[in-house]
Amino acid sequence: MKFFLIAGAVNALLSVAFGAFGAHLLEGRVADKYLDTWQTAVQYQMFHSIGLIVVAVLMSSSLLGSLGSLSWAGYLMLAGIVIFSGSLYVLSLTGIGILGAITPIGGVAFIAAWVMVIIAAAKAL
């Protein structure tokens, strides 16, 4: 639980920092399509940072007793942030198009994470 709370807070911090970096330092230095890609990475990182914090809160409460499913959800969200957002950040900075082929793996991790939250809730109710 503590791990996911810290991971969520660290990723939220990084998301804000990366958003500012993109808005202030990348503008005019990379193509507009890459600025849009950067913004998508920032948004998904922040959404799932909040998701990690929610997972931590759910794990600490007695609301959902299925810690196994919630642990999977947290690890999958973290993996999704690294793979999805990470690949988009690198793509934006380098223009290496093949990185776009890696991004969907992170998207699948995000989807699987939310499925695990649903499973934890279904088991608890």
Protein backbone atom coordinates (compact mmCIF):
# COMPACT_ATOMS: atom_id res chain seq x y z
CA MET A 1 0.00 0.00 0.00
CA LYS A 2 2.74 2.44 0.97
CA PHE A 3 4.62 1.62 -2.25
CA PHE A 4 1.66 2.53 -4.47
CA LEU A 5 0.98 5.73 -2.53
CA ILE A 6 4.59 6.84 -2.95
CA ALA A 7 4.70 5.69 -6.58
CA GLY A 8 1.51 7.63 -7.29
CA ALA A 9 2.79 10.79 -5.64
CA VAL A 10 6.18 10.57 -7.38
CA ASN A 11 4.52 10.03 -10.76
CA ALA A 12 2.10 12.91 -10.17
CA LEU A 13 5.08 15.14 -9.38
CA LEU A 14 6.89 13.95 -12.52
CA SER A 15 3.77 14.49 -14.60
CA VAL A 16 3.56 18.12 -13.52
CA ALA A 17 7.28 18.61 -14.14
CA PHE A 18 7.12 16.95 -17.57
CA GLY A 19 4.06 19.02 -18.44
CA ALA A 20 5.89 22.22 -17.61
CA PHE A 21 8.97 21.03 -19.49
CA GLY A 22 6.87 20.34 -22.56
CA ALA A 23 4.98 23.61 -22.39
CA HIS A 24 7.99 25.84 -21.79
CA LEU A 25 11.07 24.13 -23.16
CA LEU A 26 9.85 21.99 -26.04
CA GLU A 27 7.61 24.56 -27.69
CA GLY A 28 9.29 25.73 -30.88
CA ARG A 29 11.92 23.00 -30.61
CA VAL A 30 9.83 20.00 -31.66
CA ALA A 31 7.03 19.65 -34.19
CA ASP A 32 3.49 20.37 -33.00
CA LYS A 33 2.51 16.71 -33.44
CA TYR A 34 5.24 15.77 -30.96
CA LEU A 35 4.03 18.42 -28.50
CA ASP A 36 0.58 16.81 -28.73
CA THR A 37 2.15 13.40 -28.17
CA TRP A 38 4.04 14.77 -25.15
CA GLN A 39 0.80 16.17 -23.74
CA THR A 40 -0.92 12.80 -24.16
CA ALA A 41 1.90 11.14 -22.22
CA VAL A 42 1.60 13.73 -19.44
CA GLN A 43 -2.18 13.29 -19.19
CA TYR A 44 -2.07 9.51 -19.01
CA GLN A 45 0.74 9.63 -16.48
CA MET A 46 -1.30 11.94 -14.25
CA PHE A 47 -4.53 9.93 -14.62
CA HIS A 48 -2.75 6.76 -13.60
CA SER A 49 -0.78 8.47 -10.84
CA ILE A 50 -4.14 9.26 -9.30
CA GLY A 51 -5.14 5.66 -10.01
CA LEU A 52 -2.12 4.44 -8.03
CA ILE A 53 -3.12 6.64 -5.10
CA VAL A 54 -6.68 5.28 -5.29
CA VAL A 55 -5.32 1.72 -5.28
CA ALA A 56 -3.24 2.54 -2.19
CA VAL A 57 -6.26 4.01 -0.41
CA LEU A 58 -8.42 1.02 -1.31
CA MET A 59 -5.72 -1.35 -0.08
CA SER A 60 -5.51 0.47 3.25
CA SER A 61 -9.26 0.54 3.80
CA SER A 62 -11.46 -2.36 4.71
CA LEU A 63 -13.70 -1.47 1.76
CA LEU A 64 -12.05 -3.92 -0.62
CA GLY A 65 -10.50 -7.00 0.89
CA SER A 66 -8.97 -8.38 -2.33
CA LEU A 67 -5.40 -7.20 -1.92
CA GLY A 68 -4.09 -9.55 -4.61
CA SER A 69 -6.21 -7.99 -7.35
CA LEU A 70 -5.40 -4.50 -6.12
CA SER A 71 -1.68 -5.25 -6.03
CA TRP A 72 -1.88 -6.42 -9.63
CA ALA A 73 -3.78 -3.25 -10.50
CA GLY A 74 -1.07 -1.08 -8.96
CA TYR A 75 1.80 -2.87 -10.66
CA LEU A 76 0.00 -2.82 -14.01
CA MET A 77 -0.67 0.92 -13.68
CA LEU A 78 2.97 1.53 -12.89
CA ALA A 79 4.07 -0.60 -15.84
CA GLY A 80 1.60 1.24 -18.06
CA ILE A 81 3.03 4.60 -17.03
CA VAL A 82 6.57 3.49 -17.82
CA ILE A 83 5.70 1.81 -21.13
CA PHE A 84 2.91 4.06 -22.45
CA SER A 85 4.00 7.48 -21.25
CA GLY A 86 7.69 6.62 -21.36
CA SER A 87 7.57 5.53 -24.99
CA LEU A 88 5.63 8.68 -25.93
CA TYR A 89 8.14 10.90 -24.13
CA VAL A 90 11.05 9.29 -25.96
CA LEU A 91 9.15 9.41 -29.28
CA SER A 92 8.48 13.11 -28.79
CA LEU A 93 12.14 13.86 -28.10
CA THR A 94 13.70 11.62 -30.72
CA GLY A 95 11.11 11.21 -33.48
CA ILE A 96 11.88 7.47 -33.61
CA GLY A 97 8.60 6.19 -35.02
CA ILE A 98 9.07 2.54 -34.05
CA LEU A 99 8.46 3.54 -30.43
CA GLY A 100 4.81 3.97 -31.38
CA ALA A 101 4.65 0.18 -31.65
CA ILE A 102 5.56 -0.17 -27.95
CA THR A 103 2.98 2.33 -26.69
CA PRO A 104 -0.05 0.00 -27.04
CA ILE A 105 1.57 -2.47 -24.65
CA GLY A 106 1.35 0.23 -21.98
CA GLY A 107 -2.25 0.90 -22.97
CA VAL A 108 -3.08 -2.78 -22.49
CA ALA A 109 -1.43 -2.62 -19.06
CA PHE A 110 -3.68 0.34 -18.16
CA ILE A 111 -6.78 -1.55 -19.29
CA ALA A 112 -5.73 -4.68 -17.40
CA ALA A 113 -5.12 -2.57 -14.27
CA TRP A 114 -8.66 -1.22 -14.34
CA VAL A 115 -10.00 -4.74 -14.92
CA MET A 116 -8.17 -5.80 -11.76
CA VAL A 117 -9.81 -2.95 -9.83
CA ILE A 118 -13.19 -4.15 -11.12
CA ILE A 119 -12.38 -7.71 -10.04
CA ALA A 120 -11.35 -6.53 -6.58
CA ALA A 121 -14.61 -4.59 -6.24
CA ALA A 122 -16.69 -7.51 -7.51
CA LYS A 123 -15.05 -9.86 -5.01
CA ALA A 124 -15.68 -7.45 -2.15
CA LEU A 125 -19.36 -6.85 -2.89
